[in-house]
Structure formats: structure tokens, C-alpha cells
N, C-alpha and C. Protein backbone atom coordinates (compact mmCIF):
# COMPACT_ATOMS: atom_id res chain seq x y z
N MET A 1 -11.35 -24.07 103.06
CA MET A 1 -12.50 -24.02 103.94
C MET A 1 -13.72 -23.46 103.22
N ALA A 2 -13.49 -22.40 102.46
CA ALA A 2 -14.61 -21.80 101.74
C ALA A 2 -15.17 -22.75 100.69
N LEU A 3 -14.29 -23.53 100.07
CA LEU A 3 -14.74 -24.49 99.07
C LEU A 3 -15.61 -25.57 99.70
N ALA A 4 -15.27 -26.01 100.91
CA ALA A 4 -16.09 -27.00 101.60
C ALA A 4 -17.46 -26.43 101.97
N ILE A 5 -17.50 -25.18 102.37
CA ILE A 5 -18.77 -24.55 102.74
C ILE A 5 -19.65 -24.38 101.51
N VAL A 6 -19.09 -23.87 100.44
CA VAL A 6 -19.86 -23.68 99.21
C VAL A 6 -20.31 -25.02 98.64
N GLY A 7 -19.42 -26.01 98.66
CA GLY A 7 -19.79 -27.34 98.19
C GLY A 7 -20.90 -27.95 99.02
N GLY A 8 -20.86 -27.76 100.33
CA GLY A 8 -21.92 -28.25 101.20
C GLY A 8 -23.24 -27.57 100.93
N LEU A 9 -23.21 -26.25 100.73
CA LEU A 9 -24.44 -25.51 100.44
C LEU A 9 -25.04 -25.93 99.11
N VAL A 10 -24.20 -26.09 98.10
CA VAL A 10 -24.70 -26.51 96.78
C VAL A 10 -25.29 -27.91 96.86
N THR A 11 -24.60 -28.81 97.53
CA THR A 11 -25.11 -30.18 97.67
C THR A 11 -26.43 -30.21 98.42
N ALA A 12 -26.52 -29.45 99.50
CA ALA A 12 -27.76 -29.41 100.28
C ALA A 12 -28.90 -28.83 99.45
N CYS A 13 -28.64 -27.78 98.71
CA CYS A 13 -29.70 -27.18 97.88
C CYS A 13 -30.16 -28.14 96.79
N LEU A 14 -29.23 -28.85 96.17
CA LEU A 14 -29.61 -29.81 95.14
C LEU A 14 -30.43 -30.96 95.72
N LEU A 15 -30.03 -31.47 96.88
CA LEU A 15 -30.78 -32.55 97.51
C LEU A 15 -32.18 -32.09 97.91
N LEU A 16 -32.28 -30.91 98.49
CA LEU A 16 -33.59 -30.40 98.90
C LEU A 16 -34.48 -30.13 97.69
N SER A 17 -33.90 -29.61 96.61
CA SER A 17 -34.68 -29.36 95.40
C SER A 17 -35.20 -30.66 94.80
N GLN A 18 -34.36 -31.69 94.78
CA GLN A 18 -34.80 -32.98 94.24
C GLN A 18 -35.88 -33.60 95.12
N GLY A 19 -35.75 -33.46 96.43
CA GLY A 19 -36.77 -33.99 97.33
C GLY A 19 -38.11 -33.32 97.15
N VAL A 20 -38.10 -32.00 97.00
CA VAL A 20 -39.35 -31.27 96.76
C VAL A 20 -39.93 -31.65 95.40
N HIS A 21 -39.07 -31.84 94.41
CA HIS A 21 -39.53 -32.24 93.08
C HIS A 21 -40.21 -33.61 93.12
N VAL A 22 -39.63 -34.54 93.86
CA VAL A 22 -40.24 -35.88 93.98
C VAL A 22 -41.60 -35.78 94.67
N MET A 23 -41.69 -34.95 95.70
CA MET A 23 -42.98 -34.80 96.40
C MET A 23 -44.03 -34.15 95.50
N ARG A 24 -43.67 -33.15 94.74
CA ARG A 24 -44.63 -32.43 93.91
C ARG A 24 -45.04 -33.21 92.67
N LYS A 25 -44.06 -33.71 91.93
CA LYS A 25 -44.32 -34.32 90.63
C LYS A 25 -44.55 -35.82 90.70
N GLY A 26 -43.97 -36.48 91.67
CA GLY A 26 -44.16 -37.92 91.81
C GLY A 26 -43.31 -38.75 90.89
N ASN A 27 -42.26 -38.18 90.31
CA ASN A 27 -41.36 -38.99 89.51
C ASN A 27 -39.93 -38.76 89.95
N THR A 28 -39.06 -39.70 89.59
CA THR A 28 -37.70 -39.69 90.10
C THR A 28 -36.68 -39.10 89.14
N ARG A 29 -37.13 -38.56 88.02
CA ARG A 29 -36.16 -37.94 87.12
C ARG A 29 -35.60 -36.70 87.79
N PRO A 30 -34.38 -36.29 87.45
CA PRO A 30 -33.81 -35.10 88.06
C PRO A 30 -34.66 -33.86 87.80
N PHE A 31 -34.70 -32.96 88.76
CA PHE A 31 -35.56 -31.78 88.67
C PHE A 31 -35.14 -30.84 87.56
N PHE A 32 -33.89 -30.87 87.15
CA PHE A 32 -33.40 -29.94 86.13
C PHE A 32 -33.56 -30.48 84.72
N GLN A 33 -34.07 -31.69 84.57
CA GLN A 33 -34.21 -32.31 83.26
C GLN A 33 -35.58 -32.01 82.68
N GLU A 34 -35.63 -31.77 81.38
CA GLU A 34 -36.88 -31.51 80.70
C GLU A 34 -37.78 -32.74 80.80
N SER A 35 -39.08 -32.53 80.86
CA SER A 35 -40.00 -33.65 81.03
C SER A 35 -40.10 -34.51 79.77
N GLY A 36 -39.75 -34.01 78.61
CA GLY A 36 -39.84 -34.79 77.39
C GLY A 36 -38.62 -35.64 77.10
N GLU A 37 -37.55 -35.45 77.87
CA GLU A 37 -36.31 -36.16 77.58
C GLU A 37 -36.37 -37.63 77.98
N MET A 38 -37.12 -37.97 79.01
CA MET A 38 -37.23 -39.35 79.47
C MET A 38 -38.71 -39.70 79.60
N SER A 39 -39.00 -40.95 79.55
CA SER A 39 -40.38 -41.39 79.70
C SER A 39 -40.79 -41.25 81.16
N ASP A 40 -41.74 -40.35 81.44
CA ASP A 40 -42.18 -40.12 82.81
C ASP A 40 -43.02 -41.27 83.35
N LEU A 41 -43.56 -42.09 82.46
CA LEU A 41 -44.41 -43.19 82.93
C LEU A 41 -43.61 -44.23 83.70
N GLN A 42 -42.40 -44.53 83.25
CA GLN A 42 -41.62 -45.54 83.94
C GLN A 42 -40.99 -44.99 85.21
N LEU A 43 -40.91 -43.69 85.37
CA LEU A 43 -40.31 -43.09 86.55
C LEU A 43 -41.33 -42.60 87.56
N SER A 44 -42.62 -42.73 87.28
CA SER A 44 -43.64 -42.22 88.18
C SER A 44 -43.75 -43.10 89.42
N LEU A 45 -44.03 -42.44 90.54
CA LEU A 45 -44.20 -43.12 91.81
C LEU A 45 -45.66 -43.12 92.22
N LYS A 46 -46.06 -44.16 92.91
CA LYS A 46 -47.41 -44.19 93.48
C LYS A 46 -47.47 -43.21 94.64
N PRO A 47 -48.67 -42.72 94.98
CA PRO A 47 -48.76 -41.72 96.05
C PRO A 47 -48.15 -42.17 97.38
N GLY A 48 -48.23 -43.44 97.70
CA GLY A 48 -47.66 -43.92 98.95
C GLY A 48 -46.15 -43.97 98.96
N ALA A 49 -45.54 -44.01 97.79
CA ALA A 49 -44.08 -44.11 97.70
C ALA A 49 -43.40 -42.76 97.57
N ARG A 50 -44.17 -41.70 97.38
CA ARG A 50 -43.57 -40.38 97.20
C ARG A 50 -42.81 -39.93 98.44
N LEU A 51 -43.44 -40.06 99.61
CA LEU A 51 -42.82 -39.56 100.83
C LEU A 51 -41.52 -40.30 101.17
N PRO A 52 -41.49 -41.64 101.16
CA PRO A 52 -40.21 -42.29 101.48
C PRO A 52 -39.08 -41.94 100.51
N VAL A 53 -39.39 -41.85 99.22
CA VAL A 53 -38.35 -41.51 98.25
C VAL A 53 -37.92 -40.05 98.44
N ALA A 54 -38.86 -39.17 98.70
CA ALA A 54 -38.51 -37.77 98.91
C ALA A 54 -37.67 -37.61 100.17
N LEU A 55 -37.96 -38.39 101.20
CA LEU A 55 -37.18 -38.30 102.44
C LEU A 55 -35.73 -38.75 102.24
N LEU A 56 -35.50 -39.62 101.25
CA LEU A 56 -34.12 -40.01 100.94
C LEU A 56 -33.29 -38.82 100.46
N TYR A 57 -33.94 -37.82 99.92
CA TYR A 57 -33.26 -36.60 99.49
C TYR A 57 -33.34 -35.51 100.55
N LEU A 58 -34.48 -35.37 101.21
CA LEU A 58 -34.69 -34.26 102.13
C LEU A 58 -33.89 -34.40 103.43
N ILE A 59 -33.79 -35.60 103.96
CA ILE A 59 -33.08 -35.78 105.24
C ILE A 59 -31.59 -35.47 105.11
N PRO A 60 -30.87 -36.00 104.10
CA PRO A 60 -29.45 -35.61 103.99
C PRO A 60 -29.24 -34.12 103.69
N GLY A 61 -30.14 -33.53 102.88
CA GLY A 61 -30.01 -32.10 102.60
C GLY A 61 -30.19 -31.26 103.85
N ALA A 62 -31.19 -31.60 104.66
CA ALA A 62 -31.42 -30.87 105.90
C ALA A 62 -30.28 -31.12 106.89
N ALA A 63 -29.73 -32.33 106.90
CA ALA A 63 -28.61 -32.63 107.79
C ALA A 63 -27.37 -31.82 107.42
N ILE A 64 -27.10 -31.69 106.13
CA ILE A 64 -25.95 -30.89 105.69
C ILE A 64 -26.13 -29.43 106.09
N LEU A 65 -27.33 -28.89 105.87
CA LEU A 65 -27.58 -27.51 106.29
C LEU A 65 -27.46 -27.35 107.80
N GLY A 66 -27.97 -28.32 108.54
CA GLY A 66 -27.86 -28.28 109.99
C GLY A 66 -26.42 -28.30 110.47
N LEU A 67 -25.60 -29.13 109.84
CA LEU A 67 -24.19 -29.18 110.21
C LEU A 67 -23.47 -27.87 109.88
N LEU A 68 -23.81 -27.27 108.76
CA LEU A 68 -23.19 -25.99 108.42
C LEU A 68 -23.60 -24.88 109.39
N VAL A 69 -24.87 -24.87 109.77
CA VAL A 69 -25.33 -23.86 110.74
C VAL A 69 -24.69 -24.10 112.10
N LEU A 70 -24.60 -25.37 112.52
CA LEU A 70 -23.96 -25.69 113.79
C LEU A 70 -22.50 -25.27 113.79
N ALA A 71 -21.80 -25.53 112.70
CA ALA A 71 -20.39 -25.11 112.61
C ALA A 71 -20.26 -23.60 112.63
N LEU A 72 -21.21 -22.91 112.01
CA LEU A 72 -21.18 -21.44 112.01
C LEU A 72 -21.41 -20.89 113.41
N LEU A 73 -22.34 -21.49 114.15
CA LEU A 73 -22.63 -21.01 115.50
C LEU A 73 -21.51 -21.33 116.48
N ARG A 74 -20.80 -22.43 116.25
CA ARG A 74 -19.72 -22.81 117.16
C ARG A 74 -18.41 -22.11 116.86
N SER A 75 -18.30 -21.51 115.71
CA SER A 75 -17.04 -20.84 115.38
C SER A 75 -16.87 -19.61 116.26
N ASP A 76 -15.66 -19.37 116.66
CA ASP A 76 -15.37 -18.25 117.55
C ASP A 76 -14.83 -17.05 116.79
N ARG A 77 -15.35 -16.83 115.62
CA ARG A 77 -14.90 -15.68 114.83
C ARG A 77 -15.54 -14.42 115.41
N PRO A 78 -14.72 -13.46 115.79
CA PRO A 78 -15.30 -12.23 116.33
C PRO A 78 -15.97 -11.40 115.24
N GLY A 79 -17.17 -10.97 115.51
CA GLY A 79 -17.88 -10.10 114.58
C GLY A 79 -18.69 -10.81 113.52
N LEU A 80 -18.63 -12.15 113.44
CA LEU A 80 -19.35 -12.86 112.40
C LEU A 80 -20.86 -12.76 112.60
N SER A 81 -21.32 -12.97 113.81
CA SER A 81 -22.77 -12.89 114.05
C SER A 81 -23.27 -11.46 113.89
N GLU A 82 -22.46 -10.47 114.27
CA GLU A 82 -22.87 -9.07 114.07
C GLU A 82 -22.94 -8.73 112.59
N TRP A 83 -21.99 -9.25 111.81
CA TRP A 83 -22.00 -8.99 110.37
C TRP A 83 -23.23 -9.62 109.74
N LEU A 84 -23.56 -10.84 110.16
CA LEU A 84 -24.74 -11.50 109.61
C LEU A 84 -26.03 -10.77 109.97
N THR A 85 -26.12 -10.24 111.18
CA THR A 85 -27.33 -9.49 111.54
C THR A 85 -27.38 -8.15 110.81
N ASP A 86 -26.24 -7.55 110.56
CA ASP A 86 -26.22 -6.27 109.84
C ASP A 86 -26.49 -6.42 108.35
N HIS A 87 -26.00 -7.49 107.74
CA HIS A 87 -26.08 -7.66 106.29
C HIS A 87 -26.96 -8.83 105.87
N GLY A 88 -27.78 -9.33 106.75
CA GLY A 88 -28.61 -10.49 106.42
C GLY A 88 -29.61 -10.23 105.31
N PHE A 89 -30.23 -9.06 105.31
CA PHE A 89 -31.22 -8.72 104.28
C PHE A 89 -30.56 -8.60 102.91
N GLU A 90 -29.40 -7.92 102.86
CA GLU A 90 -28.68 -7.79 101.60
C GLU A 90 -28.20 -9.14 101.09
N LEU A 91 -27.74 -9.98 102.00
CA LEU A 91 -27.27 -11.32 101.62
C LEU A 91 -28.41 -12.15 101.05
N ALA A 92 -29.57 -12.13 101.71
CA ALA A 92 -30.72 -12.89 101.22
C ALA A 92 -31.20 -12.36 99.87
N GLY A 93 -31.22 -11.04 99.70
CA GLY A 93 -31.63 -10.45 98.42
C GLY A 93 -30.69 -10.80 97.29
N ALA A 94 -29.39 -10.77 97.57
CA ALA A 94 -28.41 -11.11 96.53
C ALA A 94 -28.51 -12.58 96.14
N ILE A 95 -28.70 -13.45 97.11
CA ILE A 95 -28.85 -14.88 96.81
C ILE A 95 -30.13 -15.12 96.02
N PHE A 96 -31.22 -14.42 96.36
CA PHE A 96 -32.47 -14.56 95.61
C PHE A 96 -32.29 -14.13 94.16
N LEU A 97 -31.66 -12.98 93.93
CA LEU A 97 -31.43 -12.51 92.57
C LEU A 97 -30.58 -13.48 91.78
N PHE A 98 -29.53 -14.00 92.41
CA PHE A 98 -28.65 -14.94 91.72
C PHE A 98 -29.39 -16.23 91.35
N VAL A 99 -30.15 -16.79 92.28
CA VAL A 99 -30.87 -18.05 92.02
C VAL A 99 -31.97 -17.84 91.00
N TYR A 100 -32.71 -16.73 91.08
CA TYR A 100 -33.77 -16.46 90.10
C TYR A 100 -33.17 -16.27 88.72
N GLY A 101 -32.01 -15.62 88.65
CA GLY A 101 -31.33 -15.47 87.37
C GLY A 101 -30.88 -16.81 86.81
N LEU A 102 -30.40 -17.70 87.68
CA LEU A 102 -30.01 -19.03 87.20
C LEU A 102 -31.21 -19.81 86.68
N VAL A 103 -32.34 -19.70 87.35
CA VAL A 103 -33.55 -20.37 86.87
C VAL A 103 -33.94 -19.81 85.50
N ALA A 104 -33.84 -18.49 85.35
CA ALA A 104 -34.18 -17.87 84.06
C ALA A 104 -33.22 -18.29 82.96
N ILE A 105 -31.96 -18.50 83.29
CA ILE A 105 -30.99 -18.92 82.28
C ILE A 105 -31.20 -20.38 81.90
N LEU A 106 -31.34 -21.23 82.90
CA LEU A 106 -31.40 -22.67 82.65
C LEU A 106 -32.78 -23.16 82.22
N ARG A 107 -33.84 -22.58 82.78
CA ARG A 107 -35.20 -23.03 82.47
C ARG A 107 -36.10 -21.83 82.16
N PRO A 108 -35.91 -21.17 81.01
CA PRO A 108 -36.69 -19.97 80.72
C PRO A 108 -38.18 -20.25 80.56
N GLN A 109 -38.56 -21.48 80.19
CA GLN A 109 -39.98 -21.78 80.03
C GLN A 109 -40.71 -21.72 81.38
N ILE A 110 -40.02 -22.00 82.48
CA ILE A 110 -40.66 -21.89 83.79
C ILE A 110 -40.96 -20.43 84.11
N VAL A 111 -40.01 -19.56 83.87
CA VAL A 111 -40.22 -18.13 84.12
C VAL A 111 -41.32 -17.59 83.21
N LEU A 112 -41.32 -18.01 81.96
CA LEU A 112 -42.38 -17.58 81.04
C LEU A 112 -43.75 -18.08 81.50
N ARG A 113 -43.79 -19.29 82.03
CA ARG A 113 -45.06 -19.82 82.54
C ARG A 113 -45.54 -19.01 83.74
N TRP A 114 -44.60 -18.59 84.62
CA TRP A 114 -44.97 -17.76 85.77
C TRP A 114 -45.52 -16.42 85.30
N ILE A 115 -44.89 -15.84 84.30
CA ILE A 115 -45.30 -14.53 83.81
C ILE A 115 -46.62 -14.61 83.04
N ALA A 116 -46.78 -15.63 82.21
CA ALA A 116 -47.93 -15.72 81.31
C ALA A 116 -49.15 -16.36 81.95
N SER A 117 -49.07 -16.85 83.16
CA SER A 117 -50.20 -17.59 83.74
C SER A 117 -51.48 -16.77 83.89
N PRO A 118 -51.46 -15.48 84.20
CA PRO A 118 -52.73 -14.77 84.33
C PRO A 118 -53.37 -14.36 83.00
N TYR A 119 -52.69 -14.54 81.89
CA TYR A 119 -53.20 -14.08 80.60
C TYR A 119 -53.89 -15.20 79.82
N GLN A 120 -54.65 -14.80 78.81
CA GLN A 120 -55.32 -15.76 77.95
C GLN A 120 -54.29 -16.44 77.06
N ASP A 121 -54.44 -17.71 76.83
CA ASP A 121 -53.60 -18.51 75.95
C ASP A 121 -52.10 -18.33 76.24
N PRO A 122 -51.66 -18.73 77.44
CA PRO A 122 -50.25 -18.56 77.78
C PRO A 122 -49.33 -19.49 76.99
N GLU A 123 -49.85 -20.58 76.44
CA GLU A 123 -49.00 -21.54 75.73
C GLU A 123 -48.40 -20.94 74.45
N ALA A 124 -49.08 -19.99 73.83
CA ALA A 124 -48.55 -19.37 72.61
C ALA A 124 -47.28 -18.58 72.91
N ARG A 125 -47.22 -17.96 74.07
CA ARG A 125 -46.03 -17.19 74.42
C ARG A 125 -44.88 -18.09 74.84
N LEU A 126 -45.19 -19.29 75.33
CA LEU A 126 -44.13 -20.18 75.78
C LEU A 126 -43.32 -20.74 74.62
N ARG A 127 -43.89 -20.83 73.45
CA ARG A 127 -43.19 -21.40 72.30
C ARG A 127 -42.31 -20.40 71.57
N SER A 128 -42.37 -19.15 71.93
CA SER A 128 -41.62 -18.11 71.25
C SER A 128 -40.14 -18.19 71.63
N SER A 129 -39.29 -18.36 70.62
CA SER A 129 -37.85 -18.42 70.89
C SER A 129 -37.29 -17.05 71.27
N SER A 130 -37.87 -15.98 70.76
CA SER A 130 -37.38 -14.66 71.14
C SER A 130 -37.71 -14.35 72.59
N ALA A 131 -38.86 -14.83 73.08
CA ALA A 131 -39.21 -14.62 74.49
C ALA A 131 -38.25 -15.40 75.39
N ARG A 132 -37.91 -16.62 74.99
CA ARG A 132 -36.95 -17.40 75.77
C ARG A 132 -35.58 -16.74 75.78
N SER A 133 -35.16 -16.20 74.65
CA SER A 133 -33.87 -15.51 74.59
C SER A 133 -33.88 -14.27 75.48
N PHE A 134 -34.97 -13.53 75.47
CA PHE A 134 -35.09 -12.34 76.31
C PHE A 134 -35.03 -12.71 77.79
N ILE A 135 -35.70 -13.80 78.17
CA ILE A 135 -35.68 -14.24 79.56
C ILE A 135 -34.28 -14.69 79.96
N ARG A 136 -33.57 -15.34 79.05
CA ARG A 136 -32.19 -15.75 79.35
C ARG A 136 -31.29 -14.53 79.55
N VAL A 137 -31.47 -13.50 78.73
CA VAL A 137 -30.66 -12.28 78.89
C VAL A 137 -30.99 -11.63 80.24
N LEU A 138 -32.27 -11.57 80.59
CA LEU A 138 -32.64 -11.04 81.90
C LEU A 138 -32.04 -11.87 83.02
N GLY A 139 -31.99 -13.18 82.83
CA GLY A 139 -31.38 -14.06 83.83
C GLY A 139 -29.91 -13.78 84.02
N VAL A 140 -29.21 -13.53 82.92
CA VAL A 140 -27.78 -13.19 83.02
C VAL A 140 -27.61 -11.89 83.79
N ILE A 141 -28.45 -10.91 83.50
CA ILE A 141 -28.36 -9.61 84.18
C ILE A 141 -28.65 -9.77 85.67
N LEU A 142 -29.71 -10.52 86.02
CA LEU A 142 -30.06 -10.71 87.43
C LEU A 142 -28.97 -11.48 88.17
N SER A 143 -28.42 -12.51 87.55
CA SER A 143 -27.35 -13.27 88.20
C SER A 143 -26.11 -12.42 88.39
N ALA A 144 -25.76 -11.63 87.40
CA ALA A 144 -24.60 -10.76 87.52
C ALA A 144 -24.81 -9.71 88.61
N PHE A 145 -26.02 -9.16 88.69
CA PHE A 145 -26.31 -8.18 89.73
C PHE A 145 -26.26 -8.82 91.11
N GLY A 146 -26.78 -10.04 91.25
CA GLY A 146 -26.70 -10.74 92.52
C GLY A 146 -25.26 -11.02 92.93
N LEU A 147 -24.42 -11.43 91.96
CA LEU A 147 -23.01 -11.65 92.26
C LEU A 147 -22.29 -10.36 92.61
N TYR A 148 -22.67 -9.26 91.96
CA TYR A 148 -22.07 -7.96 92.29
C TYR A 148 -22.41 -7.56 93.73
N ILE A 149 -23.64 -7.77 94.13
CA ILE A 149 -24.03 -7.44 95.51
C ILE A 149 -23.28 -8.32 96.49
N LEU A 150 -23.14 -9.61 96.17
CA LEU A 150 -22.38 -10.50 97.05
C LEU A 150 -20.92 -10.07 97.14
N LYS A 151 -20.37 -9.58 96.03
CA LYS A 151 -18.97 -9.16 96.04
C LYS A 151 -18.77 -7.91 96.88
N THR A 152 -19.75 -7.01 96.86
CA THR A 152 -19.59 -5.78 97.63
C THR A 152 -19.86 -5.94 99.11
N LEU A 153 -20.48 -7.04 99.49
CA LEU A 153 -20.71 -7.26 100.92
C LEU A 153 -19.39 -7.63 101.55
């Protein structure tokens, strides 16, 4: 049962992320793929086609989340809703730390771009391999801390 719930959540998050990526960037390449790996010109969508293609990802992702929430509300587990209200903040914080750590591990240039955006010449810092390694190490620490919080809940 837990595997089905986790699989549903992962699938829904991936579908929603791809839908948002299509809306923002206008191309159909996967959101986790580097922009230089494939030719973006052949995958670009016209402005009128962005919404229908994005809805192909957003509607199933939202439907999966809706079904999981509906199943959670219909379950007759005693104390589940009380536990969620008591530990909701900790659960959201742990999930945020885990996801931010995964972004830092998988796409350190995005985190570096977020950090370097207010400074002069941010592109020089993005090319540094030591900065990317440092961000990846921080990502591992944040993900591990998020998993530790989830384990203690």
C-alpha cells in the first residue's frame, strides 16, 4: 500500500513538473534534461500550443493527487487526521528540505543561478566546478536532514 502511495505521489509530481516546464519554457524536452543535450529549436512550441500540451501533463497529475487526497479522507484510520494536523508543518518542512536537496544534487547550476542572481557577473560563478561540487555536497546534507526528519515523525 505504501509503495502505491509513494509511486502515485512521485508520478503526480513528475507530471506536474513537466506541465509547468512546458508552460514556462515552451518546449517538450523533459524538465530534468540539460538544455544543450537536444536541439531546442525542433522541440519548441508556438504560444498557442503551450496550454494544450501542458494540460496533457497537468490534468493527470492533478487527478492522481486528487485521488490520493480522496482516498486519505475516506480512510477510517483513527488518529490520521489528528496526526496530520499536529505534524503538518514538520512534514512540509522535511519534504521541502528533501526536494531542495535533490535539486541541488541533480541540477547544481540552477541553485547557483538562484544564489548568484543579485550579484555582478553571475555567469563566472556558474562555470566553477568547485562551486558545483560544494552545492552538491550541501544538497546531500539537506536531503539527508529532510529524510531524518521524515524518519523521526
